[in-house]
């Protein structure tokens, strides 16, 4: 099972909502790494750039010009997003392509979005 599938399962299995009932330990453990990853401005912007890129995927080479950061720094931030279950990556030749993990984003959105009701 992929990390994003496990994360979205952990969040959805608990009928997770900030306002419906207190979060269980599993839901908190699943959400915290994603929230920590998104708490950094560069990572939040990277996730947005990847998710909104043509075909919903982007290569590191597509992202470098959007930042005043070195390529290794951008790669580090992408790695953090991947390890948090927010991005999927695929190596093609010398390039690595990233795609947003829709199940993890949906589960996280449901967790936070429910507070607005």
C-alpha atoms as a PDB file:
ATOM      1  CA  UNK A   1       0.000   0.000   0.000  1.00  0.00           C
ATOM      2  CA  UNK A   2       1.351   3.428  -0.895  1.00  0.00           C
ATOM      3  CA  UNK A   3       2.045   5.958   1.825  1.00  0.00           C
ATOM      4  CA  UNK A   4      -0.692   8.301   0.535  1.00  0.00           C
ATOM      5  CA  UNK A   5      -3.217   5.470   0.511  1.00  0.00           C
ATOM      6  CA  UNK A   6      -2.306   4.635   4.092  1.00  0.00           C
ATOM      7  CA  UNK A   7      -2.573   8.301   5.085  1.00  0.00           C
ATOM      8  CA  UNK A   8      -5.954   8.806   3.443  1.00  0.00           C
ATOM      9  CA  UNK A   9      -7.180   5.517   4.942  1.00  0.00           C
ATOM     10  CA  UNK A  10      -6.021   6.532   8.416  1.00  0.00           C
ATOM     11  CA  UNK A  11      -7.816   9.853   8.077  1.00  0.00           C
ATOM     12  CA  UNK A  12     -10.992   8.553   6.444  1.00  0.00           C
ATOM     13  CA  UNK A  13     -11.401   5.394   8.549  1.00  0.00           C
ATOM     14  CA  UNK A  14     -11.884   7.546  11.609  1.00  0.00           C
ATOM     15  CA  UNK A  15     -14.661   9.656  10.043  1.00  0.00           C
ATOM     16  CA  UNK A  16     -12.134  12.377  10.586  1.00  0.00           C
ATOM     17  CA  UNK A  17     -13.368  15.892  11.011  1.00  0.00           C
ATOM     18  CA  UNK A  18     -12.086  18.602  13.277  1.00  0.00           C
ATOM     19  CA  UNK A  19     -15.617  19.539  14.275  1.00  0.00           C
ATOM     20  CA  UNK A  20     -17.473  16.223  14.399  1.00  0.00           C
ATOM     21  CA  UNK A  21     -15.501  14.638  17.244  1.00  0.00           C
ATOM     22  CA  UNK A  22     -11.999  14.748  18.744  1.00  0.00           C
ATOM     23  CA  UNK A  23      -9.354  13.331  16.437  1.00  0.00           C
ATOM     24  CA  UNK A  24      -8.073   9.874  17.278  1.00  0.00           C
ATOM     25  CA  UNK A  25      -4.416   9.062  17.645  1.00  0.00           C
ATOM     26  CA  UNK A  26      -4.250   7.396  14.190  1.00  0.00           C
ATOM     27  CA  UNK A  27      -5.779  10.404  12.445  1.00  0.00           C
ATOM     28  CA  UNK A  28      -3.423  12.783  14.218  1.00  0.00           C
ATOM     29  CA  UNK A  29      -0.407  10.596  13.409  1.00  0.00           C
ATOM     30  CA  UNK A  30      -1.454  10.560   9.739  1.00  0.00           C
ATOM     31  CA  UNK A  31      -2.131  14.298   9.477  1.00  0.00           C
ATOM     32  CA  UNK A  32       0.846  15.739  11.363  1.00  0.00           C
ATOM     33  CA  UNK A  33       3.578  14.867   8.794  1.00  0.00           C
ATOM     34  CA  UNK A  34       1.512  16.393   5.996  1.00  0.00           C
ATOM     35  CA  UNK A  35       0.757  19.537   7.976  1.00  0.00           C
ATOM     36  CA  UNK A  36       4.415  19.906   8.976  1.00  0.00           C
ATOM     37  CA  UNK A  37       5.487  19.526   5.353  1.00  0.00           C
ATOM     38  CA  UNK A  38       3.000  22.174   4.221  1.00  0.00           C
ATOM     39  CA  UNK A  39       4.041  24.598   6.977  1.00  0.00           C
ATOM     40  CA  UNK A  40       7.116  25.655   4.979  1.00  0.00           C
ATOM     41  CA  UNK A  41       6.409  28.383   2.377  1.00  0.00           C
ATOM     42  CA  UNK A  42       8.612  26.826  -0.319  1.00  0.00           C
ATOM     43  CA  UNK A  43       6.980  23.412   0.095  1.00  0.00           C
ATOM     44  CA  UNK A  44       3.455  24.794  -0.009  1.00  0.00           C
ATOM     45  CA  UNK A  45       4.325  26.682  -3.187  1.00  0.00           C
ATOM     46  CA  UNK A  46       6.019  23.626  -4.703  1.00  0.00           C
ATOM     47  CA  UNK A  47       2.953  21.487  -4.048  1.00  0.00           C
ATOM     48  CA  UNK A  48       0.775  24.114  -5.682  1.00  0.00           C
ATOM     49  CA  UNK A  49       3.081  24.394  -8.692  1.00  0.00           C
ATOM     50  CA  UNK A  50       3.170  20.626  -9.183  1.00  0.00           C
ATOM     51  CA  UNK A  51      -0.587  20.157  -8.742  1.00  0.00           C
ATOM     52  CA  UNK A  52      -1.444  22.996 -11.130  1.00  0.00           C
ATOM     53  CA  UNK A  53       1.194  22.150 -13.751  1.00  0.00           C
ATOM     54  CA  UNK A  54       0.174  20.792 -17.158  1.00  0.00           C
ATOM     55  CA  UNK A  55      -1.080  17.206 -16.810  1.00  0.00           C
ATOM     56  CA  UNK A  56      -0.767  17.537 -13.029  1.00  0.00           C
ATOM     57  CA  UNK A  57       2.909  16.632 -12.962  1.00  0.00           C
ATOM     58  CA  UNK A  58       6.166  18.525 -13.075  1.00  0.00           C
ATOM     59  CA  UNK A  59       9.858  17.811 -13.336  1.00  0.00           C
ATOM     60  CA  UNK A  60      12.407  19.476 -11.074  1.00  0.00           C
ATOM     61  CA  UNK A  61      13.645  21.223 -14.202  1.00  0.00           C
ATOM     62  CA  UNK A  62      10.172  22.822 -14.545  1.00  0.00           C
ATOM     63  CA  UNK A  63      10.269  24.167 -10.982  1.00  0.00           C
ATOM     64  CA  UNK A  64      13.753  25.648 -10.612  1.00  0.00           C
ATOM     65  CA  UNK A  65      12.997  29.004 -12.242  1.00  0.00           C
ATOM     66  CA  UNK A  66      10.059  29.693  -9.897  1.00  0.00           C
ATOM     67  CA  UNK A  67      12.389  29.976  -6.872  1.00  0.00           C
ATOM     68  CA  UNK A  68      15.479  31.795  -5.771  1.00  0.00           C
ATOM     69  CA  UNK A  69      16.738  28.495  -4.350  1.00  0.00           C
ATOM     70  CA  UNK A  70      19.366  26.040  -5.526  1.00  0.00           C
ATOM     71  CA  UNK A  71      18.302  22.865  -7.302  1.00  0.00           C
ATOM     72  CA  UNK A  72      19.464  20.680  -4.373  1.00  0.00           C
ATOM     73  CA  UNK A  73      17.326  22.746  -1.983  1.00  0.00           C
ATOM     74  CA  UNK A  74      14.285  22.374  -4.223  1.00  0.00           C
ATOM     75  CA  UNK A  75      14.943  18.632  -4.461  1.00  0.00           C
ATOM     76  CA  UNK A  76      15.130  18.438  -0.660  1.00  0.00           C
ATOM     77  CA  UNK A  77      11.749  20.158  -0.299  1.00  0.00           C
ATOM     78  CA  UNK A  78      10.236  17.823  -2.910  1.00  0.00           C
ATOM     79  CA  UNK A  79      11.640  14.858  -0.960  1.00  0.00           C
ATOM     80  CA  UNK A  80       9.973  16.115   2.239  1.00  0.00           C
ATOM     81  CA  UNK A  81       6.632  16.426   0.414  1.00  0.00           C
ATOM     82  CA  UNK A  82       7.077  12.933  -1.022  1.00  0.00           C
ATOM     83  CA  UNK A  83       7.941  11.413   2.360  1.00  0.00           C
ATOM     84  CA  UNK A  84       4.875  13.105   3.881  1.00  0.00           C
ATOM     85  CA  UNK A  85       2.708  11.335   1.282  1.00  0.00           C
ATOM     86  CA  UNK A  86       1.742  14.507  -0.598  1.00  0.00           C
ATOM     87  CA  UNK A  87       3.691  13.847  -3.808  1.00  0.00           C
ATOM     88  CA  UNK A  88       4.365  10.767  -5.894  1.00  0.00           C
ATOM     89  CA  UNK A  89       7.596  10.632  -7.879  1.00  0.00           C
ATOM     90  CA  UNK A  90       8.724   8.737 -10.951  1.00  0.00           C
ATOM     91  CA  UNK A  91      12.206   8.679 -12.432  1.00  0.00           C
ATOM     92  CA  UNK A  92      12.354   8.965 -16.223  1.00  0.00           C
ATOM     93  CA  UNK A  93      15.872   8.929 -17.570  1.00  0.00           C
ATOM     94  CA  UNK A  94      17.846  11.555 -15.677  1.00  0.00           C
ATOM     95  CA  UNK A  95      14.751  13.490 -14.521  1.00  0.00           C
ATOM     96  CA  UNK A  96      12.348  12.895 -11.669  1.00  0.00           C
ATOM     97  CA  UNK A  97       8.708  13.824 -12.215  1.00  0.00           C
ATOM     98  CA  UNK A  98       6.356  14.656  -9.361  1.00  0.00           C
ATOM     99  CA  UNK A  99       2.565  14.394  -9.150  1.00  0.00           C
ATOM    100  CA  UNK A 100       0.281  15.429  -6.298  1.00  0.00           C
ATOM    101  CA  UNK A 101      -1.230  12.527  -4.373  1.00  0.00           C
ATOM    102  CA  UNK A 102      -4.961  13.198  -4.746  1.00  0.00           C
ATOM    103  CA  UNK A 103      -6.126  10.767  -2.006  1.00  0.00           C
ATOM    104  CA  UNK A 104      -3.851  12.350   0.605  1.00  0.00           C
ATOM    105  CA  UNK A 105      -4.807  15.886  -0.429  1.00  0.00           C
ATOM    106  CA  UNK A 106      -8.494  14.944  -0.389  1.00  0.00           C
ATOM    107  CA  UNK A 107      -8.269  13.427   3.066  1.00  0.00           C
ATOM    108  CA  UNK A 108      -6.373  16.420   4.393  1.00  0.00           C
ATOM    109  CA  UNK A 109      -8.855  18.785   2.734  1.00  0.00           C
ATOM    110  CA  UNK A 110     -11.773  16.936   4.309  1.00  0.00           C
ATOM    111  CA  UNK A 111     -10.101  17.147   7.704  1.00  0.00           C
ATOM    112  CA  UNK A 112      -9.595  20.886   7.501  1.00  0.00           C
ATOM    113  CA  UNK A 113     -12.569  21.794   5.302  1.00  0.00           C
ATOM    114  CA  UNK A 114     -15.045  20.350   7.741  1.00  0.00           C
ATOM    115  CA  UNK A 115     -14.166  23.060  10.258  1.00  0.00           C
ATOM    116  CA  UNK A 116     -15.726  25.699   7.996  1.00  0.00           C
ATOM    117  CA  UNK A 117     -19.217  24.184   8.157  1.00  0.00           C
END
